[in-house]
């Protein structure tokens, strides 16, 4: 299937999930993510994890499960979150603290309010948790189609570990992968962790 077909299919599949299903799957995803972090020894290092904040109305993976666990159990790990700059078609990135005040933008994405923005040192970002609608066994992903994450991953944090978080298992193949699409290194689902490299 093409990205456009998969986008339509998985938006519908995600919309059909109940809030309880999203919560349960998100908790399993968080458990699998932390198991990978421990196993790869990354949990012991001083790193920055960049993560999207979930759009509730779109039934995205609830990354707050991961964020709150990092704040509680991994004081050496910092969190960074994106702010969408639609004018320049890029992501701006700010450190997230428990005290950071958030506001939803017009797309329903929670973002730090201007007075709570502390710019992240992009060179310190070791892991990027990447939002997606679908992925395949080769590490290709389908996002919302804006290209924000492909540009961010390629230009700003090319050496980071790119970890997709998915509410569903992989599709067989994405037919129209392009040269500008940045592949995932890993994708974590509620059932297992897929490693591509």
C-alpha atoms as a PDB file:
ATOM      1  CA  UNK A   1       0.000   0.000   0.000  1.00  0.00           C
ATOM      2  CA  UNK A   2       1.045   3.611  -0.507  1.00  0.00           C
ATOM      3  CA  UNK A   3       1.672   6.060   2.320  1.00  0.00           C
ATOM      4  CA  UNK A   4      -1.571   7.884   1.526  1.00  0.00           C
ATOM      5  CA  UNK A   5      -3.557   4.625   1.668  1.00  0.00           C
ATOM      6  CA  UNK A   6      -1.853   3.536   4.892  1.00  0.00           C
ATOM      7  CA  UNK A   7      -2.368   6.984   6.432  1.00  0.00           C
ATOM      8  CA  UNK A   8      -6.109   6.779   5.771  1.00  0.00           C
ATOM      9  CA  UNK A   9      -6.358   3.176   6.991  1.00  0.00           C
ATOM     10  CA  UNK A  10      -4.416   3.681  10.227  1.00  0.00           C
ATOM     11  CA  UNK A  11      -6.062   6.988  11.124  1.00  0.00           C
ATOM     12  CA  UNK A  12      -9.352   5.068  11.014  1.00  0.00           C
ATOM     13  CA  UNK A  13      -7.901   2.112  12.976  1.00  0.00           C
ATOM     14  CA  UNK A  14      -6.560   4.424  15.633  1.00  0.00           C
ATOM     15  CA  UNK A  15      -9.812   6.369  15.867  1.00  0.00           C
ATOM     16  CA  UNK A  16     -11.623   3.074  16.551  1.00  0.00           C
ATOM     17  CA  UNK A  17      -9.523   2.388  19.665  1.00  0.00           C
ATOM     18  CA  UNK A  18     -11.086   3.130  23.050  1.00  0.00           C
ATOM     19  CA  UNK A  19      -9.274   5.363  25.561  1.00  0.00           C
ATOM     20  CA  UNK A  20      -8.678   2.248  27.693  1.00  0.00           C
ATOM     21  CA  UNK A  21      -7.040   0.429  24.760  1.00  0.00           C
ATOM     22  CA  UNK A  22      -4.744   3.384  24.047  1.00  0.00           C
ATOM     23  CA  UNK A  23      -3.778   3.554  27.735  1.00  0.00           C
ATOM     24  CA  UNK A  24      -3.109  -0.185  27.963  1.00  0.00           C
ATOM     25  CA  UNK A  25      -1.081  -0.298  24.736  1.00  0.00           C
ATOM     26  CA  UNK A  26       0.867   2.824  25.769  1.00  0.00           C
ATOM     27  CA  UNK A  27       1.796   1.214  29.090  1.00  0.00           C
ATOM     28  CA  UNK A  28       3.085  -1.910  27.305  1.00  0.00           C
ATOM     29  CA  UNK A  29       5.032   0.278  24.861  1.00  0.00           C
ATOM     30  CA  UNK A  30       6.594   2.149  27.792  1.00  0.00           C
ATOM     31  CA  UNK A  31       7.574  -1.160  29.465  1.00  0.00           C
ATOM     32  CA  UNK A  32       9.201  -2.410  26.246  1.00  0.00           C
ATOM     33  CA  UNK A  33      10.990   0.923  25.749  1.00  0.00           C
ATOM     34  CA  UNK A  34      12.484   0.843  29.264  1.00  0.00           C
ATOM     35  CA  UNK A  35      13.452  -2.815  28.846  1.00  0.00           C
ATOM     36  CA  UNK A  36      15.396  -1.824  25.720  1.00  0.00           C
ATOM     37  CA  UNK A  37      16.938   1.162  27.534  1.00  0.00           C
ATOM     38  CA  UNK A  38      18.166  -1.088  30.367  1.00  0.00           C
ATOM     39  CA  UNK A  39      19.393  -3.804  28.024  1.00  0.00           C
ATOM     40  CA  UNK A  40      21.344  -1.327  25.854  1.00  0.00           C
ATOM     41  CA  UNK A  41      22.841   0.345  28.981  1.00  0.00           C
ATOM     42  CA  UNK A  42      21.497   3.714  27.841  1.00  0.00           C
ATOM     43  CA  UNK A  43      19.496   4.018  31.077  1.00  0.00           C
ATOM     44  CA  UNK A  44      22.756   4.523  32.984  1.00  0.00           C
ATOM     45  CA  UNK A  45      24.009   7.448  30.910  1.00  0.00           C
ATOM     46  CA  UNK A  46      23.402  11.190  30.934  1.00  0.00           C
ATOM     47  CA  UNK A  47      21.322  11.676  27.809  1.00  0.00           C
ATOM     48  CA  UNK A  48      18.486  13.730  26.387  1.00  0.00           C
ATOM     49  CA  UNK A  49      15.416  11.892  25.114  1.00  0.00           C
ATOM     50  CA  UNK A  50      13.403  13.884  22.605  1.00  0.00           C
ATOM     51  CA  UNK A  51       9.729  12.931  22.540  1.00  0.00           C
ATOM     52  CA  UNK A  52       6.489  14.095  20.998  1.00  0.00           C
ATOM     53  CA  UNK A  53       3.630  14.979  23.328  1.00  0.00           C
ATOM     54  CA  UNK A  54       0.440  13.074  22.445  1.00  0.00           C
ATOM     55  CA  UNK A  55      -2.540  14.578  20.649  1.00  0.00           C
ATOM     56  CA  UNK A  56      -5.330  13.066  22.738  1.00  0.00           C
ATOM     57  CA  UNK A  57      -8.055  13.474  20.109  1.00  0.00           C
ATOM     58  CA  UNK A  58      -5.930  11.522  17.612  1.00  0.00           C
ATOM     59  CA  UNK A  59      -5.403   8.576  19.982  1.00  0.00           C
ATOM     60  CA  UNK A  60      -1.618   8.891  19.779  1.00  0.00           C
ATOM     61  CA  UNK A  61       0.662   6.776  21.959  1.00  0.00           C
ATOM     62  CA  UNK A  62       0.532   8.331  25.427  1.00  0.00           C
ATOM     63  CA  UNK A  63       4.166   9.311  25.909  1.00  0.00           C
ATOM     64  CA  UNK A  64       3.401  10.761  29.356  1.00  0.00           C
ATOM     65  CA  UNK A  65       3.822   7.205  30.680  1.00  0.00           C
ATOM     66  CA  UNK A  66       7.455   7.334  29.517  1.00  0.00           C
ATOM     67  CA  UNK A  67       8.038  10.958  30.542  1.00  0.00           C
ATOM     68  CA  UNK A  68       6.734  10.532  34.086  1.00  0.00           C
ATOM     69  CA  UNK A  69       8.739   7.349  34.556  1.00  0.00           C
ATOM     70  CA  UNK A  70      11.924   9.119  33.424  1.00  0.00           C
ATOM     71  CA  UNK A  71      11.282  11.989  35.839  1.00  0.00           C
ATOM     72  CA  UNK A  72      10.663   9.528  38.692  1.00  0.00           C
ATOM     73  CA  UNK A  73      13.356   6.919  38.050  1.00  0.00           C
ATOM     74  CA  UNK A  74      16.077   8.361  35.799  1.00  0.00           C
ATOM     75  CA  UNK A  75      17.260  11.731  37.131  1.00  0.00           C
ATOM     76  CA  UNK A  76      20.235  11.675  34.731  1.00  0.00           C
ATOM     77  CA  UNK A  77      17.943  11.697  31.663  1.00  0.00           C
ATOM     78  CA  UNK A  78      16.498  14.981  30.387  1.00  0.00           C
ATOM     79  CA  UNK A  79      13.382  15.337  28.231  1.00  0.00           C
ATOM     80  CA  UNK A  80      13.105  17.552  25.161  1.00  0.00           C
ATOM     81  CA  UNK A  81       9.884  18.252  23.249  1.00  0.00           C
ATOM     82  CA  UNK A  82       9.177  19.846  19.871  1.00  0.00           C
ATOM     83  CA  UNK A  83       7.261  23.002  19.029  1.00  0.00           C
ATOM     84  CA  UNK A  84       5.973  23.136  15.454  1.00  0.00           C
ATOM     85  CA  UNK A  85       7.162  26.200  13.555  1.00  0.00           C
ATOM     86  CA  UNK A  86       4.705  26.152  10.651  1.00  0.00           C
ATOM     87  CA  UNK A  87       6.128  29.366   9.181  1.00  0.00           C
ATOM     88  CA  UNK A  88       9.580  27.812   8.622  1.00  0.00           C
ATOM     89  CA  UNK A  89       8.377  24.181   8.347  1.00  0.00           C
ATOM     90  CA  UNK A  90      10.598  22.954  11.143  1.00  0.00           C
ATOM     91  CA  UNK A  91      10.565  21.735  14.729  1.00  0.00           C
ATOM     92  CA  UNK A  92      11.914  23.943  17.501  1.00  0.00           C
ATOM     93  CA  UNK A  93      13.024  22.035  20.584  1.00  0.00           C
ATOM     94  CA  UNK A  94      12.774  22.824  24.279  1.00  0.00           C
ATOM     95  CA  UNK A  95      13.624  21.059  27.527  1.00  0.00           C
ATOM     96  CA  UNK A  96      10.576  19.774  29.405  1.00  0.00           C
ATOM     97  CA  UNK A  97      10.514  19.979  33.213  1.00  0.00           C
ATOM     98  CA  UNK A  98       7.759  18.809  35.589  1.00  0.00           C
ATOM     99  CA  UNK A  99       7.016  22.505  36.170  1.00  0.00           C
ATOM    100  CA  UNK A 100       6.776  23.436  32.463  1.00  0.00           C
ATOM    101  CA  UNK A 101       3.451  25.079  31.626  1.00  0.00           C
ATOM    102  CA  UNK A 102       1.852  23.688  28.454  1.00  0.00           C
ATOM    103  CA  UNK A 103      -0.757  24.945  26.009  1.00  0.00           C
ATOM    104  CA  UNK A 104      -2.338  23.162  23.027  1.00  0.00           C
ATOM    105  CA  UNK A 105      -1.597  24.634  19.606  1.00  0.00           C
ATOM    106  CA  UNK A 106      -4.226  24.775  16.857  1.00  0.00           C
ATOM    107  CA  UNK A 107      -3.457  21.145  15.905  1.00  0.00           C
ATOM    108  CA  UNK A 108      -4.111  19.948  19.464  1.00  0.00           C
ATOM    109  CA  UNK A 109      -0.408  19.377  20.192  1.00  0.00           C
ATOM    110  CA  UNK A 110       0.652  20.338  23.752  1.00  0.00           C
ATOM    111  CA  UNK A 111       3.610  22.745  23.667  1.00  0.00           C
ATOM    112  CA  UNK A 112       5.554  24.690  26.318  1.00  0.00           C
ATOM    113  CA  UNK A 113       4.219  28.223  26.706  1.00  0.00           C
ATOM    114  CA  UNK A 114       6.654  30.912  25.545  1.00  0.00           C
ATOM    115  CA  UNK A 115       7.657  31.882  29.101  1.00  0.00           C
ATOM    116  CA  UNK A 116       8.555  28.211  29.842  1.00  0.00           C
ATOM    117  CA  UNK A 117      10.812  27.595  26.842  1.00  0.00           C
ATOM    118  CA  UNK A 118      14.420  26.595  27.436  1.00  0.00           C
ATOM    119  CA  UNK A 119      16.145  25.672  24.199  1.00  0.00           C
ATOM    120  CA  UNK A 120      17.585  22.157  23.980  1.00  0.00           C
ATOM    121  CA  UNK A 121      21.199  21.584  22.960  1.00  0.00           C
ATOM    122  CA  UNK A 122      20.510  19.400  19.914  1.00  0.00           C
ATOM    123  CA  UNK A 123      23.997  17.865  20.030  1.00  0.00           C
ATOM    124  CA  UNK A 124      23.051  16.232  23.354  1.00  0.00           C
ATOM    125  CA  UNK A 125      19.940  14.452  22.025  1.00  0.00           C
ATOM    126  CA  UNK A 126      20.725  10.724  22.009  1.00  0.00           C
ATOM    127  CA  UNK A 127      17.231   9.303  21.411  1.00  0.00           C
ATOM    128  CA  UNK A 128      14.281  10.622  19.425  1.00  0.00           C
ATOM    129  CA  UNK A 129      10.891   9.005  20.029  1.00  0.00           C
ATOM    130  CA  UNK A 130       9.213   9.327  16.649  1.00  0.00           C
ATOM    131  CA  UNK A 131       5.430   9.507  16.139  1.00  0.00           C
ATOM    132  CA  UNK A 132       3.949   7.426  13.338  1.00  0.00           C
ATOM    133  CA  UNK A 133       0.789   5.905  11.936  1.00  0.00           C
ATOM    134  CA  UNK A 134       2.328   2.766  10.419  1.00  0.00           C
ATOM    135  CA  UNK A 135       5.720   1.152   9.837  1.00  0.00           C
ATOM    136  CA  UNK A 136       7.145  -1.801   7.912  1.00  0.00           C
ATOM    137  CA  UNK A 137       9.723  -4.526   8.735  1.00  0.00           C
ATOM    138  CA  UNK A 138      12.489  -2.439   7.108  1.00  0.00           C
ATOM    139  CA  UNK A 139      12.198   0.592   9.404  1.00  0.00           C
ATOM    140  CA  UNK A 140      10.199   2.796   7.042  1.00  0.00           C
ATOM    141  CA  UNK A 141       7.369   4.794   8.614  1.00  0.00           C
ATOM    142  CA  UNK A 142       4.220   6.637   7.650  1.00  0.00           C
ATOM    143  CA  UNK A 143       3.621   9.920   9.483  1.00  0.00           C
ATOM    144  CA  UNK A 144       1.027  12.622   8.971  1.00  0.00           C
ATOM    145  CA  UNK A 145       2.672  13.757   5.728  1.00  0.00           C
ATOM    146  CA  UNK A 146       4.143  17.126   6.746  1.00  0.00           C
ATOM    147  CA  UNK A 147       7.762  15.958   6.646  1.00  0.00           C
ATOM    148  CA  UNK A 148       8.638  17.756   9.900  1.00  0.00           C
ATOM    149  CA  UNK A 149      10.257  14.724  11.503  1.00  0.00           C
ATOM    150  CA  UNK A 150      12.144  13.636   8.370  1.00  0.00           C
ATOM    151  CA  UNK A 151      13.725  17.107   8.140  1.00  0.00           C
ATOM    152  CA  UNK A 152      14.433  17.230  11.881  1.00  0.00           C
ATOM    153  CA  UNK A 153      15.992  13.750  11.967  1.00  0.00           C
ATOM    154  CA  UNK A 154      18.093  14.302   8.834  1.00  0.00           C
ATOM    155  CA  UNK A 155      19.285  17.855   9.505  1.00  0.00           C
ATOM    156  CA  UNK A 156      19.266  18.439  13.276  1.00  0.00           C
ATOM    157  CA  UNK A 157      19.924  15.100  14.983  1.00  0.00           C
ATOM    158  CA  UNK A 158      21.323  12.740  12.313  1.00  0.00           C
ATOM    159  CA  UNK A 159      23.298  10.670  14.840  1.00  0.00           C
ATOM    160  CA  UNK A 160      20.474  10.126  17.311  1.00  0.00           C
ATOM    161  CA  UNK A 161      18.813   6.763  17.863  1.00  0.00           C
ATOM    162  CA  UNK A 162      15.461   6.970  16.059  1.00  0.00           C
ATOM    163  CA  UNK A 163      12.822   4.962  17.935  1.00  0.00           C
ATOM    164  CA  UNK A 164       9.276   4.771  16.588  1.00  0.00           C
ATOM    165  CA  UNK A 165       6.360   4.137  18.939  1.00  0.00           C
ATOM    166  CA  UNK A 166       3.444   2.278  17.356  1.00  0.00           C
ATOM    167  CA  UNK A 167       0.031   1.166  18.586  1.00  0.00           C
ATOM    168  CA  UNK A 168      -0.012  -1.483  15.825  1.00  0.00           C
ATOM    169  CA  UNK A 169       2.295  -4.170  14.468  1.00  0.00           C
ATOM    170  CA  UNK A 170       4.128  -3.611  11.133  1.00  0.00           C
ATOM    171  CA  UNK A 171       2.498  -3.634   7.718  1.00  0.00           C
ATOM    172  CA  UNK A 172       4.030  -5.860   5.062  1.00  0.00           C
ATOM    173  CA  UNK A 173       5.495  -3.052   2.970  1.00  0.00           C
ATOM    174  CA  UNK A 174       5.260   0.684   2.243  1.00  0.00           C
ATOM    175  CA  UNK A 175       5.286   0.970  -1.540  1.00  0.00           C
ATOM    176  CA  UNK A 176       6.299   4.577  -2.122  1.00  0.00           C
ATOM    177  CA  UNK A 177       9.311   5.131   0.149  1.00  0.00           C
ATOM    178  CA  UNK A 178      11.322   8.179  -0.968  1.00  0.00           C
ATOM    179  CA  UNK A 179      14.983   9.095  -0.638  1.00  0.00           C
ATOM    180  CA  UNK A 180      14.168  11.865   1.839  1.00  0.00           C
ATOM    181  CA  UNK A 181      12.352   9.468   4.200  1.00  0.00           C
ATOM    182  CA  UNK A 182      14.471   8.807   7.282  1.00  0.00           C
ATOM    183  CA  UNK A 183      14.372   5.219   8.503  1.00  0.00           C
ATOM    184  CA  UNK A 184      13.820   4.198  12.087  1.00  0.00           C
ATOM    185  CA  UNK A 185      16.525   2.297  13.960  1.00  0.00           C
ATOM    186  CA  UNK A 186      13.966   0.673  16.244  1.00  0.00           C
ATOM    187  CA  UNK A 187      10.196   0.522  16.613  1.00  0.00           C
ATOM    188  CA  UNK A 188       8.481  -0.324  19.887  1.00  0.00           C
ATOM    189  CA  UNK A 189       4.948  -1.737  19.920  1.00  0.00           C
ATOM    190  CA  UNK A 190       2.888  -3.098  22.786  1.00  0.00           C
ATOM    191  CA  UNK A 191       3.856  -6.627  21.717  1.00  0.00           C
ATOM    192  CA  UNK A 192       7.577  -6.343  20.993  1.00  0.00           C
ATOM    193  CA  UNK A 193      10.607  -4.252  20.019  1.00  0.00           C
ATOM    194  CA  UNK A 194      11.733  -4.353  16.387  1.00  0.00           C
ATOM    195  CA  UNK A 195      15.398  -3.573  15.691  1.00  0.00           C
ATOM    196  CA  UNK A 196      16.242  -2.670  12.104  1.00  0.00           C
ATOM    197  CA  UNK A 197      19.985  -1.889  12.208  1.00  0.00           C
END
